């Protein structure tokens, strides 16, 4: 990872500590996991629901520089959308990222994806999944953040993925907990 990207990630992490994560970002180990997953599987198309200020998007886009891929990331909040745009630009990753503005289930999605990363309004994870499942390639991966920190809010999502005949799912104890599902 180049120094410019490392510097931006460190600045965002510092802000996270100073503001008690009011910027709503994933943990560093979750970022490292996503980056490694994309590289190892040579994923080329990733959809992220919940850009926030672009921290996870930077981890994802950095991996996509190695696979020659593209991240499509959806955010509804104006301020976070603009901050993400600035952070992604400062990291030099704009060529690998297409930001989409709006409420995720209502945003037209232009492609088929290898990976779907969910990190937005927790009680809406099922609606995100059902909206985008038909945009996923066979064998694709779905990762949902905050499985351990937001158990109550994700109870319907957990029930859905563990009972879906289309998915093989497990809980990974990385960061704030990740539900990891593979499309059969």
N, C-alpha and C. Protein backbone atom coordinates (compact mmCIF):
# COMPACT_ATOMS: atom_id res chain seq x y z
N UNK A 1 0.85 -1.18 0.00
CA UNK A 1 0.00 0.00 0.00
C UNK A 1 0.89 1.24 0.00
N UNK A 2 0.55 2.19 -0.87
CA UNK A 2 1.42 3.36 -0.96
C UNK A 2 1.23 4.32 0.23
N UNK A 3 2.19 5.22 0.39
CA UNK A 3 2.22 6.10 1.56
C UNK A 3 1.06 7.09 1.58
N UNK A 4 0.63 7.53 0.40
CA UNK A 4 -0.49 8.48 0.33
C UNK A 4 -1.76 7.84 0.92
N UNK A 5 -2.03 6.59 0.52
CA UNK A 5 -3.21 5.89 1.02
C UNK A 5 -3.07 5.62 2.52
N UNK A 6 -1.90 5.18 2.94
CA UNK A 6 -1.67 4.93 4.37
C UNK A 6 -1.92 6.20 5.19
N UNK A 7 -1.46 7.32 4.69
CA UNK A 7 -1.62 8.59 5.40
C UNK A 7 -3.09 8.95 5.56
N UNK A 8 -3.87 8.82 4.50
CA UNK A 8 -5.31 9.13 4.57
C UNK A 8 -6.01 8.20 5.56
N UNK A 9 -5.69 6.90 5.49
CA UNK A 9 -6.30 5.95 6.42
C UNK A 9 -5.96 6.31 7.86
N UNK A 10 -4.71 6.66 8.12
CA UNK A 10 -4.30 7.04 9.47
C UNK A 10 -4.98 8.31 9.94
N UNK A 11 -5.18 9.28 9.05
CA UNK A 11 -5.89 10.51 9.41
C UNK A 11 -7.33 10.20 9.81
N UNK A 12 -7.99 9.34 9.04
CA UNK A 12 -9.38 8.98 9.35
C UNK A 12 -9.44 8.21 10.66
N UNK A 13 -8.49 7.31 10.90
CA UNK A 13 -8.45 6.55 12.15
C UNK A 13 -8.25 7.49 13.35
N UNK A 14 -7.41 8.50 13.18
CA UNK A 14 -7.18 9.48 14.24
C UNK A 14 -8.47 10.23 14.55
N UNK A 15 -9.16 10.64 13.49
CA UNK A 15 -10.45 11.34 13.65
C UNK A 15 -11.45 10.44 14.38
N UNK A 16 -11.43 9.16 14.04
CA UNK A 16 -12.33 8.20 14.68
C UNK A 16 -12.11 8.19 16.19
N UNK A 17 -10.85 8.14 16.60
CA UNK A 17 -10.53 8.13 18.03
C UNK A 17 -10.94 9.44 18.70
N UNK A 18 -10.68 10.55 18.04
CA UNK A 18 -10.98 11.87 18.61
C UNK A 18 -12.47 12.13 18.73
N UNK A 19 -13.27 11.51 17.89
CA UNK A 19 -14.71 11.78 17.88
C UNK A 19 -15.54 10.60 18.38
N UNK A 20 -14.89 9.61 18.99
CA UNK A 20 -15.59 8.41 19.47
C UNK A 20 -16.39 7.74 18.34
N UNK A 21 -15.77 7.66 17.17
CA UNK A 21 -16.33 7.05 15.95
C UNK A 21 -17.64 7.68 15.49
N UNK A 22 -17.77 9.00 15.66
CA UNK A 22 -18.97 9.67 15.14
C UNK A 22 -18.99 9.66 13.61
N UNK A 23 -17.84 9.32 13.00
CA UNK A 23 -17.78 9.25 11.54
C UNK A 23 -18.21 7.87 11.02
N UNK A 24 -18.46 6.93 11.92
CA UNK A 24 -19.01 5.62 11.56
C UNK A 24 -18.17 4.90 10.55
N UNK A 25 -17.01 4.42 10.98
CA UNK A 25 -16.16 3.66 10.07
C UNK A 25 -15.92 2.26 10.62
N UNK A 26 -15.51 1.38 9.73
CA UNK A 26 -15.18 0.01 10.11
C UNK A 26 -13.87 0.00 10.89
N UNK A 27 -13.56 -1.12 11.51
CA UNK A 27 -12.29 -1.26 12.21
C UNK A 27 -11.19 -1.54 11.19
N UNK A 28 -9.95 -1.26 11.58
CA UNK A 28 -8.79 -1.49 10.69
C UNK A 28 -8.72 -2.96 10.28
N UNK A 29 -8.95 -3.89 11.22
CA UNK A 29 -8.84 -5.31 10.85
C UNK A 29 -9.91 -5.73 9.85
N UNK A 30 -11.08 -5.08 9.90
CA UNK A 30 -12.11 -5.34 8.89
C UNK A 30 -11.64 -4.82 7.53
N UNK A 31 -11.03 -3.64 7.51
CA UNK A 31 -10.49 -3.09 6.26
C UNK A 31 -9.42 -4.00 5.68
N UNK A 32 -8.53 -4.48 6.53
CA UNK A 32 -7.47 -5.38 6.08
C UNK A 32 -8.06 -6.68 5.53
N UNK A 33 -9.10 -7.20 6.21
CA UNK A 33 -9.76 -8.42 5.77
C UNK A 33 -10.38 -8.24 4.38
N UNK A 34 -11.13 -7.14 4.19
CA UNK A 34 -11.77 -6.88 2.90
C UNK A 34 -10.73 -6.74 1.80
N UNK A 35 -9.65 -6.02 2.09
CA UNK A 35 -8.58 -5.81 1.12
C UNK A 35 -7.98 -7.15 0.69
N UNK A 36 -7.68 -7.98 1.66
CA UNK A 36 -7.08 -9.29 1.37
C UNK A 36 -8.06 -10.20 0.61
N UNK A 37 -9.32 -10.19 1.01
CA UNK A 37 -10.35 -11.00 0.36
C UNK A 37 -10.46 -10.65 -1.13
N UNK A 38 -10.48 -9.37 -1.43
CA UNK A 38 -10.59 -8.90 -2.81
C UNK A 38 -9.37 -9.32 -3.62
N UNK A 39 -8.20 -9.12 -3.06
CA UNK A 39 -6.96 -9.46 -3.77
C UNK A 39 -6.85 -10.96 -4.01
N UNK A 40 -7.09 -11.75 -2.96
CA UNK A 40 -6.93 -13.21 -3.09
C UNK A 40 -7.92 -13.83 -4.06
N UNK A 41 -9.14 -13.28 -4.11
CA UNK A 41 -10.17 -13.83 -4.99
C UNK A 41 -10.23 -13.13 -6.35
N UNK A 42 -9.35 -12.15 -6.53
CA UNK A 42 -9.28 -11.35 -7.76
C UNK A 42 -10.66 -10.80 -8.13
N UNK A 43 -11.35 -10.26 -7.12
CA UNK A 43 -12.64 -9.63 -7.37
C UNK A 43 -12.44 -8.36 -8.17
N UNK A 44 -13.36 -8.13 -9.11
CA UNK A 44 -13.26 -6.96 -9.97
C UNK A 44 -14.40 -5.97 -9.76
N UNK A 45 -15.52 -6.43 -9.27
CA UNK A 45 -16.68 -5.55 -9.07
C UNK A 45 -17.18 -5.70 -7.63
N UNK A 46 -17.21 -4.56 -6.92
CA UNK A 46 -17.65 -4.56 -5.53
C UNK A 46 -18.73 -3.49 -5.37
N UNK A 47 -19.77 -3.84 -4.63
CA UNK A 47 -20.83 -2.91 -4.27
C UNK A 47 -20.79 -2.73 -2.76
N UNK A 48 -20.69 -1.48 -2.33
CA UNK A 48 -20.70 -1.16 -0.90
C UNK A 48 -21.94 -0.34 -0.60
N UNK A 49 -22.69 -0.75 0.41
CA UNK A 49 -23.86 0.00 0.86
C UNK A 49 -23.47 0.65 2.19
N UNK A 50 -23.33 1.98 2.16
CA UNK A 50 -22.91 2.72 3.34
C UNK A 50 -21.48 3.21 3.20
N UNK A 51 -21.27 4.21 2.37
CA UNK A 51 -19.94 4.75 2.13
C UNK A 51 -19.38 5.41 3.38
N UNK A 52 -20.25 6.06 4.15
CA UNK A 52 -19.84 6.92 5.26
C UNK A 52 -18.84 7.93 4.73
N UNK A 53 -17.66 8.04 5.34
CA UNK A 53 -16.69 9.05 4.89
C UNK A 53 -15.59 8.45 4.01
N UNK A 54 -15.79 7.21 3.56
CA UNK A 54 -14.90 6.62 2.57
C UNK A 54 -13.80 5.73 3.09
N UNK A 55 -13.74 5.50 4.39
CA UNK A 55 -12.66 4.69 4.96
C UNK A 55 -12.67 3.26 4.41
N UNK A 56 -13.80 2.58 4.50
CA UNK A 56 -13.87 1.22 3.96
C UNK A 56 -13.68 1.22 2.45
N UNK A 57 -14.21 2.24 1.80
CA UNK A 57 -14.05 2.36 0.35
C UNK A 57 -12.59 2.47 -0.07
N UNK A 58 -11.80 3.14 0.75
CA UNK A 58 -10.37 3.26 0.45
C UNK A 58 -9.70 1.89 0.56
N UNK A 59 -10.03 1.13 1.59
CA UNK A 59 -9.47 -0.23 1.72
C UNK A 59 -9.86 -1.09 0.52
N UNK A 60 -11.13 -1.00 0.13
CA UNK A 60 -11.64 -1.79 -0.99
C UNK A 60 -11.00 -1.35 -2.30
N UNK A 61 -11.00 -0.04 -2.55
CA UNK A 61 -10.47 0.49 -3.81
C UNK A 61 -8.97 0.21 -3.94
N UNK A 62 -8.24 0.25 -2.83
CA UNK A 62 -6.81 -0.05 -2.90
C UNK A 62 -6.61 -1.47 -3.39
N UNK A 63 -7.41 -2.41 -2.91
CA UNK A 63 -7.32 -3.80 -3.39
C UNK A 63 -7.67 -3.88 -4.87
N UNK A 64 -8.67 -3.09 -5.29
CA UNK A 64 -9.12 -3.12 -6.67
C UNK A 64 -8.09 -2.53 -7.64
N UNK A 65 -7.13 -1.76 -7.13
CA UNK A 65 -6.05 -1.29 -8.01
C UNK A 65 -5.20 -2.47 -8.47
N UNK A 66 -5.17 -3.53 -7.68
CA UNK A 66 -4.38 -4.72 -8.02
C UNK A 66 -5.15 -5.68 -8.93
N UNK A 67 -6.48 -5.65 -8.86
CA UNK A 67 -7.29 -6.56 -9.67
C UNK A 67 -7.88 -5.85 -10.90
N UNK A 68 -7.58 -4.56 -11.02
CA UNK A 68 -8.12 -3.72 -12.11
C UNK A 68 -9.65 -3.68 -12.06
N UNK A 69 -10.17 -3.53 -10.83
CA UNK A 69 -11.60 -3.55 -10.63
C UNK A 69 -12.20 -2.19 -10.33
N UNK A 70 -13.46 -2.20 -9.88
CA UNK A 70 -14.21 -0.98 -9.62
C UNK A 70 -15.11 -1.17 -8.41
N UNK A 71 -15.16 -0.14 -7.58
CA UNK A 71 -16.07 -0.09 -6.42
C UNK A 71 -17.22 0.85 -6.74
N UNK A 72 -18.44 0.38 -6.53
CA UNK A 72 -19.63 1.21 -6.57
C UNK A 72 -20.08 1.34 -5.12
N UNK A 73 -20.15 2.56 -4.61
CA UNK A 73 -20.46 2.75 -3.21
C UNK A 73 -21.62 3.73 -3.04
N UNK A 74 -22.59 3.36 -2.20
CA UNK A 74 -23.84 4.09 -2.06
C UNK A 74 -23.90 4.77 -0.70
N UNK A 75 -24.24 6.07 -0.71
CA UNK A 75 -24.39 6.84 0.53
C UNK A 75 -25.56 7.81 0.35
N UNK A 76 -26.38 7.95 1.39
CA UNK A 76 -27.53 8.85 1.30
C UNK A 76 -27.29 10.20 1.98
N UNK A 77 -26.36 10.26 2.92
CA UNK A 77 -26.12 11.48 3.70
C UNK A 77 -25.21 12.44 2.92
N UNK A 78 -25.67 13.67 2.69
CA UNK A 78 -24.92 14.65 1.88
C UNK A 78 -23.52 14.92 2.42
N UNK A 79 -23.41 15.19 3.71
CA UNK A 79 -22.12 15.52 4.30
C UNK A 79 -21.12 14.38 4.21
N UNK A 80 -21.56 13.18 4.56
CA UNK A 80 -20.67 12.02 4.48
C UNK A 80 -20.29 11.72 3.03
N UNK A 81 -21.23 11.89 2.11
CA UNK A 81 -20.95 11.67 0.68
C UNK A 81 -19.81 12.58 0.22
N UNK A 82 -19.90 13.87 0.57
CA UNK A 82 -18.87 14.84 0.16
C UNK A 82 -17.54 14.56 0.82
N UNK A 83 -17.56 14.21 2.12
CA UNK A 83 -16.31 13.89 2.82
C UNK A 83 -15.66 12.66 2.21
N UNK A 84 -16.47 11.66 1.88
CA UNK A 84 -15.94 10.45 1.22
C UNK A 84 -15.31 10.80 -0.11
N UNK A 85 -15.97 11.65 -0.87
CA UNK A 85 -15.43 12.07 -2.17
C UNK A 85 -14.05 12.70 -1.99
N UNK A 86 -13.91 13.56 -0.99
CA UNK A 86 -12.63 14.21 -0.72
C UNK A 86 -11.58 13.19 -0.28
N UNK A 87 -11.95 12.29 0.64
CA UNK A 87 -10.99 11.30 1.14
C UNK A 87 -10.53 10.35 0.04
N UNK A 88 -11.45 9.91 -0.79
CA UNK A 88 -11.11 8.99 -1.89
C UNK A 88 -10.21 9.71 -2.90
N UNK A 89 -10.51 10.97 -3.17
CA UNK A 89 -9.67 11.76 -4.07
C UNK A 89 -8.28 11.97 -3.49
N UNK A 90 -8.20 12.31 -2.20
CA UNK A 90 -6.90 12.51 -1.54
C UNK A 90 -6.05 11.24 -1.56
N UNK A 91 -6.73 10.08 -1.53
CA UNK A 91 -6.02 8.81 -1.58
C UNK A 91 -5.60 8.44 -3.01
N UNK A 92 -6.05 9.23 -3.98
CA UNK A 92 -5.70 8.97 -5.38
C UNK A 92 -6.44 7.78 -5.97
N UNK A 93 -7.66 7.51 -5.49
CA UNK A 93 -8.38 6.30 -5.91
C UNK A 93 -9.65 6.58 -6.70
N UNK A 94 -9.85 7.81 -7.14
CA UNK A 94 -11.10 8.15 -7.84
C UNK A 94 -11.36 7.29 -9.08
N UNK A 95 -10.32 6.88 -9.75
CA UNK A 95 -10.49 6.07 -10.97
C UNK A 95 -11.08 4.70 -10.67
N UNK A 96 -11.01 4.27 -9.42
CA UNK A 96 -11.48 2.94 -9.03
C UNK A 96 -12.81 2.97 -8.29
N UNK A 97 -13.39 4.18 -8.12
CA UNK A 97 -14.59 4.33 -7.30
C UNK A 97 -15.67 5.10 -8.05
N UNK A 98 -16.88 4.57 -8.02
CA UNK A 98 -18.06 5.28 -8.52
C UNK A 98 -18.99 5.49 -7.33
N UNK A 99 -19.10 6.74 -6.88
CA UNK A 99 -20.00 7.02 -5.77
C UNK A 99 -21.42 7.18 -6.31
N UNK A 100 -22.37 6.61 -5.58
CA UNK A 100 -23.78 6.69 -5.94
C UNK A 100 -24.53 7.32 -4.77
N UNK A 101 -25.32 8.34 -5.05
CA UNK A 101 -26.01 9.07 -4.00
C UNK A 101 -27.45 8.62 -3.92
N UNK A 102 -27.92 8.32 -2.69
CA UNK A 102 -29.31 7.97 -2.50
C UNK A 102 -29.50 6.86 -1.49
N UNK A 103 -30.76 6.49 -1.31
CA UNK A 103 -31.13 5.39 -0.42
C UNK A 103 -30.89 4.09 -1.18
N UNK A 104 -30.06 3.24 -0.64
CA UNK A 104 -29.53 2.08 -1.37
C UNK A 104 -30.55 1.28 -2.17
N UNK A 105 -31.67 0.83 -1.59
CA UNK A 105 -32.57 0.00 -2.40
C UNK A 105 -33.16 0.72 -3.61
N UNK A 106 -33.11 2.07 -3.59
CA UNK A 106 -33.71 2.85 -4.68
C UNK A 106 -32.71 3.28 -5.74
N UNK A 107 -31.42 3.04 -5.50
CA UNK A 107 -30.38 3.48 -6.42
C UNK A 107 -30.22 2.45 -7.54
N UNK A 108 -30.28 2.90 -8.81
CA UNK A 108 -30.05 1.96 -9.91
C UNK A 108 -28.60 1.45 -9.87
N UNK A 109 -28.47 0.15 -9.89
CA UNK A 109 -27.14 -0.48 -9.82
C UNK A 109 -26.78 -0.98 -11.21
N UNK A 110 -25.60 -0.55 -11.70
CA UNK A 110 -25.27 -0.77 -13.10
C UNK A 110 -24.54 -2.06 -13.47
N UNK A 111 -24.38 -3.00 -12.57
CA UNK A 111 -23.49 -4.10 -12.91
C UNK A 111 -23.83 -5.36 -12.11
N UNK A 112 -23.03 -6.39 -12.35
CA UNK A 112 -23.05 -7.62 -11.55
C UNK A 112 -21.81 -7.59 -10.68
N UNK A 113 -21.92 -8.12 -9.45
CA UNK A 113 -20.86 -7.94 -8.47
C UNK A 113 -20.32 -9.25 -7.92
N UNK A 114 -19.03 -9.21 -7.57
CA UNK A 114 -18.36 -10.33 -6.92
C UNK A 114 -18.55 -10.25 -5.40
N UNK A 115 -18.63 -9.01 -4.89
CA UNK A 115 -18.69 -8.78 -3.45
C UNK A 115 -19.68 -7.68 -3.15
N UNK A 116 -20.52 -7.92 -2.15
CA UNK A 116 -21.44 -6.92 -1.62
C UNK A 116 -21.06 -6.71 -0.16
N UNK A 117 -20.77 -5.46 0.21
CA UNK A 117 -20.41 -5.12 1.59
C UNK A 117 -21.49 -4.21 2.16
N UNK A 118 -22.13 -4.67 3.24
CA UNK A 118 -23.21 -3.93 3.88
C UNK A 118 -22.71 -3.29 5.17
N UNK A 119 -22.82 -1.96 5.24
CA UNK A 119 -22.45 -1.23 6.46
C UNK A 119 -23.21 0.09 6.49
N UNK A 120 -24.52 -0.01 6.55
CA UNK A 120 -25.38 1.18 6.58
C UNK A 120 -26.41 0.97 7.70
N UNK A 121 -27.60 1.47 7.52
CA UNK A 121 -28.65 1.33 8.53
C UNK A 121 -28.92 -0.15 8.78
N UNK A 122 -28.61 -0.58 10.00
CA UNK A 122 -28.59 -2.01 10.33
C UNK A 122 -29.94 -2.70 10.11
N UNK A 123 -31.03 -2.05 10.52
CA UNK A 123 -32.34 -2.69 10.39
C UNK A 123 -32.78 -2.83 8.93
N UNK A 124 -32.04 -2.23 8.01
CA UNK A 124 -32.39 -2.32 6.59
C UNK A 124 -31.55 -3.35 5.83
N UNK A 125 -30.69 -4.11 6.51
CA UNK A 125 -29.82 -5.06 5.82
C UNK A 125 -30.59 -6.05 4.96
N UNK A 126 -31.74 -6.53 5.44
CA UNK A 126 -32.52 -7.49 4.64
C UNK A 126 -33.00 -6.82 3.36
N UNK A 127 -33.46 -5.57 3.45
CA UNK A 127 -33.94 -4.89 2.23
C UNK A 127 -32.79 -4.63 1.27
N UNK A 128 -31.59 -4.33 1.80
CA UNK A 128 -30.43 -4.16 0.92
C UNK A 128 -30.12 -5.47 0.21
N UNK A 129 -30.09 -6.53 0.98
CA UNK A 129 -29.74 -7.83 0.41
C UNK A 129 -30.74 -8.26 -0.66
N UNK A 130 -32.02 -8.14 -0.36
CA UNK A 130 -33.02 -8.57 -1.34
C UNK A 130 -33.02 -7.66 -2.58
N UNK A 131 -32.67 -6.39 -2.41
CA UNK A 131 -32.60 -5.47 -3.55
C UNK A 131 -31.43 -5.80 -4.47
N UNK A 132 -30.33 -6.29 -3.89
CA UNK A 132 -29.10 -6.46 -4.67
C UNK A 132 -28.69 -7.90 -4.92
N UNK A 133 -29.39 -8.85 -4.35
CA UNK A 133 -29.01 -10.26 -4.50
C UNK A 133 -28.97 -10.67 -5.97
N UNK A 134 -29.91 -10.18 -6.77
CA UNK A 134 -29.93 -10.57 -8.19
C UNK A 134 -28.84 -9.86 -9.00
N UNK A 135 -28.08 -8.98 -8.35
CA UNK A 135 -26.92 -8.33 -8.98
C UNK A 135 -25.61 -9.02 -8.60
N UNK A 136 -25.72 -10.16 -7.93
CA UNK A 136 -24.53 -10.87 -7.47
C UNK A 136 -24.22 -12.05 -8.37
N UNK A 137 -22.94 -12.23 -8.63
CA UNK A 137 -22.49 -13.37 -9.42
C UNK A 137 -22.59 -14.65 -8.59
N UNK A 138 -22.79 -15.77 -9.26
CA UNK A 138 -22.79 -17.06 -8.57
C UNK A 138 -21.42 -17.24 -7.90
N UNK A 139 -21.43 -17.66 -6.65
CA UNK A 139 -20.20 -17.79 -5.89
C UNK A 139 -19.76 -16.49 -5.24
N UNK A 140 -20.53 -15.42 -5.48
CA UNK A 140 -20.21 -14.12 -4.90
C UNK A 140 -20.31 -14.12 -3.38
N UNK A 141 -19.71 -13.11 -2.79
CA UNK A 141 -19.63 -13.00 -1.33
C UNK A 141 -20.42 -11.79 -0.86
N UNK A 142 -21.12 -11.97 0.25
CA UNK A 142 -21.83 -10.87 0.91
C UNK A 142 -21.27 -10.76 2.32
N UNK A 143 -20.82 -9.58 2.67
CA UNK A 143 -20.28 -9.33 4.02
C UNK A 143 -21.14 -8.26 4.66
N UNK A 144 -21.60 -8.53 5.86
CA UNK A 144 -22.39 -7.55 6.62
C UNK A 144 -21.65 -7.22 7.91
N UNK A 145 -21.35 -5.94 8.11
CA UNK A 145 -20.61 -5.50 9.30
C UNK A 145 -21.54 -5.34 10.50
N UNK A 146 -20.93 -5.37 11.67
CA UNK A 146 -21.57 -5.12 12.96
C UNK A 146 -22.41 -6.28 13.48
N UNK A 147 -22.06 -7.50 13.12
CA UNK A 147 -22.80 -8.68 13.56
C UNK A 147 -22.76 -8.85 15.07
N UNK A 148 -21.67 -8.46 15.71
CA UNK A 148 -21.54 -8.61 17.16
C UNK A 148 -21.99 -7.37 17.92
N UNK A 149 -21.79 -6.20 17.36
CA UNK A 149 -22.11 -4.96 18.07
C UNK A 149 -23.57 -4.53 17.91
N UNK A 150 -24.26 -5.06 16.92
CA UNK A 150 -25.65 -4.69 16.66
C UNK A 150 -26.52 -5.95 16.47
N UNK A 151 -26.37 -6.87 17.39
CA UNK A 151 -27.09 -8.16 17.28
C UNK A 151 -28.60 -7.97 17.16
N UNK A 152 -29.17 -7.12 17.99
CA UNK A 152 -30.62 -6.93 17.98
C UNK A 152 -31.09 -6.38 16.63
N UNK A 153 -30.40 -5.33 16.15
CA UNK A 153 -30.79 -4.71 14.89
C UNK A 153 -30.61 -5.65 13.71
N UNK A 154 -29.68 -6.59 13.82
CA UNK A 154 -29.40 -7.52 12.72
C UNK A 154 -30.06 -8.89 12.89
N UNK A 155 -30.95 -9.02 13.85
CA UNK A 155 -31.57 -10.33 14.09
C UNK A 155 -32.36 -10.83 12.87
N UNK A 156 -33.10 -9.96 12.20
CA UNK A 156 -33.86 -10.37 11.01
C UNK A 156 -32.91 -10.75 9.88
N UNK A 157 -31.83 -10.00 9.74
CA UNK A 157 -30.83 -10.30 8.71
C UNK A 157 -30.20 -11.66 8.99
N UNK A 158 -29.81 -11.88 10.22
CA UNK A 158 -29.19 -13.16 10.61
C UNK A 158 -30.14 -14.32 10.28
N UNK A 159 -31.39 -14.18 10.66
CA UNK A 159 -32.37 -15.23 10.38
C UNK A 159 -32.50 -15.45 8.87
N UNK A 160 -32.53 -14.39 8.12
CA UNK A 160 -32.67 -14.48 6.66
C UNK A 160 -31.50 -15.25 6.05
N UNK A 161 -30.27 -14.84 6.37
CA UNK A 161 -29.12 -15.46 5.69
C UNK A 161 -28.89 -16.90 6.12
N UNK A 162 -29.18 -17.21 7.38
CA UNK A 162 -28.94 -18.58 7.83
C UNK A 162 -30.06 -19.54 7.41
N UNK A 163 -31.19 -18.99 6.94
CA UNK A 163 -32.30 -19.83 6.47
C UNK A 163 -32.47 -19.79 4.96
N UNK A 164 -31.67 -19.00 4.27
CA UNK A 164 -31.79 -18.88 2.82
C UNK A 164 -31.15 -20.09 2.13
N UNK A 165 -31.89 -20.75 1.25
CA UNK A 165 -31.30 -21.86 0.49
C UNK A 165 -30.27 -21.39 -0.54
N UNK A 166 -30.23 -20.09 -0.82
CA UNK A 166 -29.28 -19.53 -1.79
C UNK A 166 -27.91 -19.26 -1.18
N UNK A 167 -27.84 -19.23 0.17
CA UNK A 167 -26.62 -18.76 0.83
C UNK A 167 -26.03 -19.78 1.79
N UNK A 168 -24.71 -19.78 1.87
CA UNK A 168 -23.98 -20.49 2.91
C UNK A 168 -23.39 -19.39 3.78
N UNK A 169 -23.73 -19.35 5.07
CA UNK A 169 -23.35 -18.22 5.90
C UNK A 169 -22.66 -18.65 7.19
N UNK A 170 -21.83 -17.74 7.69
CA UNK A 170 -21.15 -17.95 8.97
C UNK A 170 -20.83 -16.60 9.59
N UNK A 171 -20.57 -16.62 10.88
CA UNK A 171 -20.17 -15.43 11.62
C UNK A 171 -18.65 -15.44 11.75
N UNK A 172 -18.02 -14.33 11.36
CA UNK A 172 -16.58 -14.18 11.52
C UNK A 172 -16.34 -13.16 12.63
N UNK A 173 -15.50 -13.52 13.57
CA UNK A 173 -15.22 -12.62 14.70
C UNK A 173 -14.03 -11.72 14.35
N UNK A 174 -14.27 -10.87 13.39
CA UNK A 174 -13.30 -9.88 12.93
C UNK A 174 -13.94 -8.51 13.18
N UNK A 175 -13.18 -7.59 13.75
CA UNK A 175 -13.71 -6.25 14.00
C UNK A 175 -14.94 -6.29 14.87
N UNK A 176 -16.01 -5.68 14.39
CA UNK A 176 -17.28 -5.64 15.12
C UNK A 176 -18.17 -6.83 14.78
N UNK A 177 -17.56 -7.85 14.16
CA UNK A 177 -18.30 -9.04 13.75
C UNK A 177 -18.79 -8.90 12.32
N UNK A 178 -18.57 -9.93 11.53
CA UNK A 178 -18.98 -9.92 10.13
C UNK A 178 -19.81 -11.16 9.83
N UNK A 179 -20.97 -10.96 9.23
CA UNK A 179 -21.69 -12.08 8.65
C UNK A 179 -21.13 -12.27 7.25
N UNK A 180 -20.64 -13.48 7.00
CA UNK A 180 -20.00 -13.83 5.74
C UNK A 180 -20.90 -14.83 5.04
N UNK A 181 -21.39 -14.48 3.86
CA UNK A 181 -22.27 -15.37 3.10
C UNK A 181 -21.73 -15.55 1.70
N UNK A 182 -21.82 -16.77 1.22
CA UNK A 182 -21.43 -17.08 -0.16
C UNK A 182 -22.68 -17.54 -0.90
N UNK A 183 -22.85 -17.04 -2.12
CA UNK A 183 -24.00 -17.43 -2.94
C UNK A 183 -23.69 -18.79 -3.56
N UNK A 184 -24.62 -19.72 -3.37
CA UNK A 184 -24.44 -21.08 -3.88
C UNK A 184 -24.56 -21.12 -5.39
